[in-house]
Amino acid sequence: MKTLKKITLALCIAASMGAVSTSVMAEGDSGRITYAPADAIDMVANKTGVALNAIEQGEDAAKVDGLIADILAASKEINASDKVFAKRDKVHSKLKAARKDLKEGNRQGAEQNLRNAQKDFLALKEIL
């Protein structure tokens, strides 16, 4: 009987913890769109393509810089695992290098960094 009471008590505690757990209650904020990791990667790769097109067409550096800032913000939606997070941070350094190149007037360096970043973003899908 003592064993049955202990088992029942343990089950009740586990059920109550599961009922009020924050991970159980977790949901997206109202008005916030959440993306699947693969969809977020595609979205960010497309935005990187838009920035590449802008730099190839000779858009001014401020506009391209704004597009790269948008890519950095959108890439925060990519959250699947620690491996993906670490690789994403490495790609962020390439995007930041592209912004630095733009500010220094090195458009070819910025274009190359954007190409590398786009390739690396698409490579994140293999880790998923």
N, C-alpha and C. Protein backbone atom coordinates (compact mmCIF):
# COMPACT_ATOMS: atom_id res chain seq x y z
N MET A 1 0.82 -1.20 0.00
CA MET A 1 0.00 0.00 0.00
C MET A 1 0.87 1.27 0.00
N LYS A 2 1.98 1.20 0.78
CA LYS A 2 2.88 2.35 0.81
C LYS A 2 3.44 2.64 -0.58
N THR A 3 3.80 1.59 -1.29
CA THR A 3 4.35 1.75 -2.63
C THR A 3 3.32 2.37 -3.55
N LEU A 4 2.09 1.95 -3.47
CA LEU A 4 1.02 2.48 -4.30
C LEU A 4 0.81 3.97 -4.01
N LYS A 5 0.88 4.36 -2.73
CA LYS A 5 0.74 5.76 -2.37
C LYS A 5 1.88 6.60 -2.95
N LYS A 6 3.11 6.06 -2.87
CA LYS A 6 4.26 6.79 -3.40
C LYS A 6 4.16 6.96 -4.91
N ILE A 7 3.73 5.91 -5.59
CA ILE A 7 3.58 5.98 -7.05
C ILE A 7 2.50 6.98 -7.42
N THR A 8 1.38 6.96 -6.70
CA THR A 8 0.28 7.88 -6.96
C THR A 8 0.72 9.33 -6.72
N LEU A 9 1.44 9.54 -5.62
CA LEU A 9 1.92 10.89 -5.31
C LEU A 9 2.88 11.37 -6.40
N ALA A 10 3.79 10.52 -6.83
CA ALA A 10 4.74 10.89 -7.87
C ALA A 10 4.03 11.22 -9.17
N LEU A 11 3.03 10.45 -9.54
CA LEU A 11 2.25 10.72 -10.75
C LEU A 11 1.49 12.03 -10.65
N CYS A 12 0.93 12.31 -9.48
CA CYS A 12 0.21 13.58 -9.29
C CYS A 12 1.15 14.77 -9.41
N ILE A 13 2.34 14.66 -8.82
CA ILE A 13 3.31 15.75 -8.91
C ILE A 13 3.75 15.95 -10.36
N ALA A 14 4.03 14.85 -11.05
CA ALA A 14 4.46 14.96 -12.45
C ALA A 14 3.36 15.57 -13.31
N ALA A 15 2.12 15.16 -13.08
CA ALA A 15 1.00 15.71 -13.87
C ALA A 15 0.81 17.19 -13.58
N SER A 16 0.94 17.60 -12.33
CA SER A 16 0.75 19.01 -12.00
C SER A 16 1.89 19.85 -12.57
N MET A 17 3.11 19.33 -12.59
CA MET A 17 4.22 20.06 -13.19
C MET A 17 4.03 20.20 -14.69
N GLY A 18 3.54 19.16 -15.32
CA GLY A 18 3.30 19.21 -16.76
C GLY A 18 2.17 20.15 -17.11
N ALA A 19 1.21 20.26 -16.22
CA ALA A 19 0.04 21.10 -16.50
C ALA A 19 0.37 22.58 -16.45
N VAL A 20 1.32 22.98 -15.62
CA VAL A 20 1.65 24.39 -15.49
C VAL A 20 3.02 24.72 -16.05
N SER A 21 3.64 23.80 -16.73
CA SER A 21 4.96 24.03 -17.29
C SER A 21 4.91 25.11 -18.36
N THR A 22 5.94 25.94 -18.41
CA THR A 22 5.96 27.02 -19.39
C THR A 22 6.11 26.48 -20.81
N SER A 23 6.80 25.35 -20.96
CA SER A 23 6.95 24.81 -22.30
C SER A 23 5.64 24.24 -22.81
N VAL A 24 4.81 23.76 -21.90
CA VAL A 24 3.50 23.26 -22.31
C VAL A 24 2.61 24.42 -22.73
N MET A 25 2.73 25.53 -22.02
CA MET A 25 1.88 26.69 -22.30
C MET A 25 2.45 27.60 -23.39
N ALA A 26 3.63 27.29 -23.88
CA ALA A 26 4.29 28.17 -24.84
C ALA A 26 3.50 28.26 -26.13
N GLU A 27 3.40 29.46 -26.63
CA GLU A 27 2.75 29.72 -27.92
C GLU A 27 3.30 31.02 -28.47
N GLY A 28 3.11 31.22 -29.73
CA GLY A 28 3.60 32.44 -30.35
C GLY A 28 2.84 33.65 -29.84
N ASP A 29 3.53 34.78 -29.77
CA ASP A 29 2.87 36.02 -29.37
C ASP A 29 1.84 36.39 -30.42
N SER A 30 0.79 37.05 -29.96
CA SER A 30 -0.22 37.48 -30.91
C SER A 30 0.38 38.53 -31.83
N GLY A 31 0.14 38.38 -33.11
CA GLY A 31 0.67 39.30 -34.09
C GLY A 31 2.07 38.96 -34.56
N ARG A 32 2.67 37.90 -34.01
CA ARG A 32 4.02 37.49 -34.42
C ARG A 32 3.90 36.23 -35.27
N ILE A 33 4.57 36.25 -36.39
CA ILE A 33 4.55 35.09 -37.28
C ILE A 33 5.75 34.23 -36.93
N THR A 34 5.51 32.94 -36.72
CA THR A 34 6.61 32.02 -36.47
C THR A 34 6.79 31.14 -37.70
N TYR A 35 8.03 30.85 -38.02
CA TYR A 35 8.37 30.09 -39.21
C TYR A 35 9.02 28.77 -38.83
N ALA A 36 8.80 27.77 -39.65
CA ALA A 36 9.54 26.53 -39.52
C ALA A 36 10.99 26.83 -39.91
N PRO A 37 11.96 26.11 -39.34
CA PRO A 37 13.36 26.42 -39.66
C PRO A 37 13.68 26.42 -41.15
N ALA A 38 13.17 25.45 -41.89
CA ALA A 38 13.46 25.39 -43.33
C ALA A 38 12.85 26.59 -44.06
N ASP A 39 11.65 26.99 -43.65
CA ASP A 39 11.01 28.16 -44.27
C ASP A 39 11.78 29.44 -43.95
N ALA A 40 12.26 29.55 -42.71
CA ALA A 40 13.02 30.73 -42.32
C ALA A 40 14.33 30.81 -43.10
N ILE A 41 14.97 29.65 -43.32
CA ILE A 41 16.22 29.62 -44.09
C ILE A 41 15.95 30.07 -45.52
N ASP A 42 14.87 29.57 -46.12
CA ASP A 42 14.52 29.98 -47.49
C ASP A 42 14.25 31.48 -47.56
N MET A 43 13.54 32.00 -46.57
CA MET A 43 13.20 33.42 -46.54
C MET A 43 14.47 34.27 -46.47
N VAL A 44 15.39 33.87 -45.61
CA VAL A 44 16.64 34.63 -45.44
C VAL A 44 17.51 34.52 -46.69
N ALA A 45 17.56 33.34 -47.31
CA ALA A 45 18.35 33.18 -48.54
C ALA A 45 17.77 34.05 -49.65
N ASN A 46 16.43 34.13 -49.72
CA ASN A 46 15.80 35.00 -50.72
C ASN A 46 16.12 36.47 -50.48
N LYS A 47 16.10 36.88 -49.20
CA LYS A 47 16.44 38.27 -48.88
C LYS A 47 17.90 38.57 -49.23
N THR A 48 18.76 37.57 -49.05
CA THR A 48 20.16 37.74 -49.41
C THR A 48 20.28 37.90 -50.93
N GLY A 49 19.47 37.15 -51.67
CA GLY A 49 19.45 37.29 -53.13
C GLY A 49 19.00 38.67 -53.55
N VAL A 50 18.03 39.23 -52.85
CA VAL A 50 17.57 40.58 -53.15
C VAL A 50 18.69 41.59 -52.92
N ALA A 51 19.43 41.42 -51.83
CA ALA A 51 20.55 42.33 -51.55
C ALA A 51 21.64 42.18 -52.61
N LEU A 52 21.89 40.94 -53.05
CA LEU A 52 22.87 40.71 -54.11
C LEU A 52 22.45 41.41 -55.40
N ASN A 53 21.18 41.28 -55.75
CA ASN A 53 20.68 41.95 -56.96
C ASN A 53 20.83 43.46 -56.85
N ALA A 54 20.56 43.99 -55.67
CA ALA A 54 20.66 45.43 -55.48
C ALA A 54 22.09 45.91 -55.66
N ILE A 55 23.03 45.14 -55.11
CA ILE A 55 24.43 45.56 -55.23
C ILE A 55 24.93 45.40 -56.66
N GLU A 56 24.44 44.39 -57.37
CA GLU A 56 24.82 44.19 -58.77
C GLU A 56 24.26 45.28 -59.67
N GLN A 57 23.08 45.79 -59.33
CA GLN A 57 22.46 46.83 -60.13
C GLN A 57 22.97 48.22 -59.79
N GLY A 58 23.89 48.29 -58.84
CA GLY A 58 24.51 49.57 -58.51
C GLY A 58 23.70 50.45 -57.58
N GLU A 59 22.86 49.86 -56.77
CA GLU A 59 22.10 50.65 -55.80
C GLU A 59 23.08 51.32 -54.83
N ASP A 60 22.61 52.41 -54.21
CA ASP A 60 23.50 53.10 -53.28
C ASP A 60 23.76 52.25 -52.04
N ALA A 61 24.89 52.52 -51.41
CA ALA A 61 25.36 51.71 -50.29
C ALA A 61 24.38 51.73 -49.11
N ALA A 62 23.70 52.85 -48.90
CA ALA A 62 22.77 52.95 -47.77
C ALA A 62 21.59 51.98 -47.94
N LYS A 63 21.10 51.88 -49.17
CA LYS A 63 19.97 50.97 -49.42
C LYS A 63 20.41 49.52 -49.23
N VAL A 64 21.58 49.16 -49.76
CA VAL A 64 22.07 47.79 -49.61
C VAL A 64 22.36 47.48 -48.15
N ASP A 65 22.89 48.48 -47.43
CA ASP A 65 23.14 48.31 -46.00
C ASP A 65 21.83 48.03 -45.25
N GLY A 66 20.78 48.72 -45.63
CA GLY A 66 19.47 48.48 -45.03
C GLY A 66 18.96 47.08 -45.33
N LEU A 67 19.20 46.61 -46.55
CA LEU A 67 18.79 45.25 -46.90
C LEU A 67 19.56 44.21 -46.09
N ILE A 68 20.85 44.46 -45.88
CA ILE A 68 21.65 43.52 -45.08
C ILE A 68 21.19 43.54 -43.63
N ALA A 69 20.84 44.71 -43.11
CA ALA A 69 20.30 44.79 -41.75
C ALA A 69 19.00 44.01 -41.65
N ASP A 70 18.19 44.05 -42.69
CA ASP A 70 16.94 43.29 -42.73
C ASP A 70 17.24 41.78 -42.72
N ILE A 71 18.29 41.37 -43.43
CA ILE A 71 18.67 39.96 -43.45
C ILE A 71 19.11 39.52 -42.05
N LEU A 72 19.90 40.35 -41.39
CA LEU A 72 20.35 40.02 -40.03
C LEU A 72 19.17 39.87 -39.08
N ALA A 73 18.19 40.74 -39.21
CA ALA A 73 17.01 40.67 -38.34
C ALA A 73 16.18 39.43 -38.65
N ALA A 74 16.01 39.14 -39.94
CA ALA A 74 15.19 37.99 -40.33
C ALA A 74 15.87 36.67 -39.99
N SER A 75 17.18 36.65 -39.98
CA SER A 75 17.88 35.40 -39.71
C SER A 75 17.72 34.96 -38.26
N LYS A 76 17.28 35.84 -37.41
CA LYS A 76 17.03 35.46 -36.02
C LYS A 76 15.84 34.51 -35.89
N GLU A 77 15.06 34.40 -36.96
CA GLU A 77 13.93 33.45 -36.96
C GLU A 77 14.40 32.01 -37.15
N ILE A 78 15.65 31.84 -37.55
CA ILE A 78 16.19 30.49 -37.76
C ILE A 78 16.63 29.96 -36.40
N ASN A 79 15.82 29.12 -35.83
CA ASN A 79 16.17 28.53 -34.54
C ASN A 79 15.72 27.07 -34.52
N ALA A 80 16.68 26.18 -34.70
CA ALA A 80 16.37 24.76 -34.73
C ALA A 80 17.16 24.00 -33.68
N SER A 81 18.47 24.24 -33.61
CA SER A 81 19.31 23.54 -32.64
C SER A 81 20.55 24.39 -32.37
N ASP A 82 21.37 23.91 -31.45
CA ASP A 82 22.59 24.64 -31.13
C ASP A 82 23.56 24.66 -32.29
N LYS A 83 23.60 23.56 -33.05
CA LYS A 83 24.49 23.52 -34.22
C LYS A 83 24.09 24.58 -35.24
N VAL A 84 22.79 24.64 -35.52
CA VAL A 84 22.29 25.62 -36.48
C VAL A 84 22.55 27.04 -35.96
N PHE A 85 22.36 27.23 -34.67
CA PHE A 85 22.58 28.54 -34.08
C PHE A 85 24.04 28.97 -34.24
N ALA A 86 24.97 28.05 -33.99
CA ALA A 86 26.40 28.36 -34.11
C ALA A 86 26.77 28.68 -35.56
N LYS A 87 26.26 27.90 -36.50
CA LYS A 87 26.56 28.14 -37.92
C LYS A 87 25.94 29.46 -38.37
N ARG A 88 24.74 29.75 -37.88
CA ARG A 88 24.07 31.00 -38.24
C ARG A 88 24.89 32.20 -37.76
N ASP A 89 25.48 32.08 -36.58
CA ASP A 89 26.32 33.17 -36.08
C ASP A 89 27.56 33.38 -36.94
N LYS A 90 28.09 32.30 -37.51
CA LYS A 90 29.24 32.43 -38.41
C LYS A 90 28.83 33.15 -39.69
N VAL A 91 27.61 32.89 -40.15
CA VAL A 91 27.12 33.57 -41.35
C VAL A 91 26.89 35.04 -41.04
N HIS A 92 26.46 35.33 -39.81
CA HIS A 92 26.27 36.73 -39.40
C HIS A 92 27.56 37.51 -39.54
N SER A 93 28.69 36.86 -39.24
CA SER A 93 29.97 37.57 -39.36
C SER A 93 30.24 37.93 -40.82
N LYS A 94 29.80 37.10 -41.76
CA LYS A 94 29.98 37.41 -43.19
C LYS A 94 29.09 38.58 -43.60
N LEU A 95 27.89 38.61 -43.06
CA LEU A 95 26.99 39.72 -43.36
C LEU A 95 27.54 41.03 -42.78
N LYS A 96 28.08 40.94 -41.58
CA LYS A 96 28.66 42.14 -40.97
C LYS A 96 29.89 42.60 -41.74
N ALA A 97 30.65 41.63 -42.26
CA ALA A 97 31.81 41.99 -43.09
C ALA A 97 31.36 42.66 -44.38
N ALA A 98 30.23 42.21 -44.93
CA ALA A 98 29.69 42.83 -46.13
C ALA A 98 29.28 44.28 -45.85
N ARG A 99 28.68 44.52 -44.70
CA ARG A 99 28.30 45.88 -44.33
C ARG A 99 29.55 46.76 -44.17
N LYS A 100 30.58 46.19 -43.57
CA LYS A 100 31.83 46.94 -43.39
C LYS A 100 32.46 47.27 -44.74
N ASP A 101 32.44 46.29 -45.65
CA ASP A 101 32.98 46.52 -46.99
C ASP A 101 32.21 47.63 -47.71
N LEU A 102 30.90 47.63 -47.55
CA LEU A 102 30.09 48.69 -48.18
C LEU A 102 30.47 50.06 -47.64
N LYS A 103 30.64 50.14 -46.33
CA LYS A 103 30.99 51.44 -45.73
C LYS A 103 32.36 51.92 -46.19
N GLU A 104 33.24 50.97 -46.49
CA GLU A 104 34.58 51.33 -46.97
C GLU A 104 34.62 51.54 -48.47
N GLY A 105 33.50 51.26 -49.16
CA GLY A 105 33.44 51.46 -50.60
C GLY A 105 33.89 50.26 -51.41
N ASN A 106 34.09 49.13 -50.78
CA ASN A 106 34.52 47.91 -51.46
C ASN A 106 33.29 47.09 -51.85
N ARG A 107 32.67 47.43 -52.96
CA ARG A 107 31.43 46.76 -53.37
C ARG A 107 31.68 45.31 -53.78
N GLN A 108 32.84 45.04 -54.37
CA GLN A 108 33.13 43.66 -54.79
C GLN A 108 33.31 42.75 -53.58
N GLY A 109 33.96 43.25 -52.56
CA GLY A 109 34.12 42.48 -51.32
C GLY A 109 32.78 42.22 -50.66
N ALA A 110 31.92 43.24 -50.66
CA ALA A 110 30.58 43.08 -50.09
C ALA A 110 29.77 42.06 -50.88
N GLU A 111 29.89 42.13 -52.20
CA GLU A 111 29.16 41.18 -53.05
C GLU A 111 29.63 39.75 -52.78
N GLN A 112 30.95 39.56 -52.65
CA GLN A 112 31.48 38.23 -52.39
C GLN A 112 31.03 37.71 -51.02
N ASN A 113 31.03 38.57 -50.02
CA ASN A 113 30.56 38.17 -48.69
C ASN A 113 29.09 37.80 -48.71
N LEU A 114 28.29 38.55 -49.48
CA LEU A 114 26.87 38.22 -49.59
C LEU A 114 26.67 36.88 -50.30
N ARG A 115 27.44 36.62 -51.33
CA ARG A 115 27.34 35.33 -52.02
C ARG A 115 27.69 34.18 -51.07
N ASN A 116 28.76 34.35 -50.31
CA ASN A 116 29.15 33.33 -49.34
C ASN A 116 28.08 33.14 -48.27
N ALA A 117 27.50 34.24 -47.82
CA ALA A 117 26.46 34.16 -46.80
C ALA A 117 25.24 33.41 -47.33
N GLN A 118 24.84 33.71 -48.57
CA GLN A 118 23.69 33.03 -49.15
C GLN A 118 23.96 31.52 -49.27
N LYS A 119 25.16 31.18 -49.71
CA LYS A 119 25.52 29.76 -49.84
C LYS A 119 25.50 29.08 -48.47
N ASP A 120 26.02 29.77 -47.46
CA ASP A 120 26.06 29.20 -46.12
C ASP A 120 24.67 29.10 -45.49
N PHE A 121 23.80 30.07 -45.78
CA PHE A 121 22.43 29.96 -45.28
C PHE A 121 21.75 28.73 -45.86
N LEU A 122 21.92 28.50 -47.15
CA LEU A 122 21.31 27.32 -47.77
C LEU A 122 21.93 26.03 -47.24
N ALA A 123 23.19 26.08 -46.84
CA ALA A 123 23.85 24.89 -46.26
C ALA A 123 23.29 24.55 -44.88
N LEU A 124 22.64 25.50 -44.24
CA LEU A 124 22.04 25.23 -42.92
C LEU A 124 20.95 24.16 -43.02
N LYS A 125 20.32 24.04 -44.17
CA LYS A 125 19.26 23.02 -44.34
C LYS A 125 19.80 21.61 -44.15
N GLU A 126 21.07 21.40 -44.50
CA GLU A 126 21.66 20.07 -44.35
C GLU A 126 21.81 19.68 -42.88
N ILE A 127 21.92 20.67 -42.01
CA ILE A 127 22.08 20.39 -40.58
C ILE A 127 20.74 20.03 -39.95
N LEU A 128 19.65 20.55 -40.49
CA LEU A 128 18.34 20.28 -39.91
C LEU A 128 18.13 18.82 -39.91
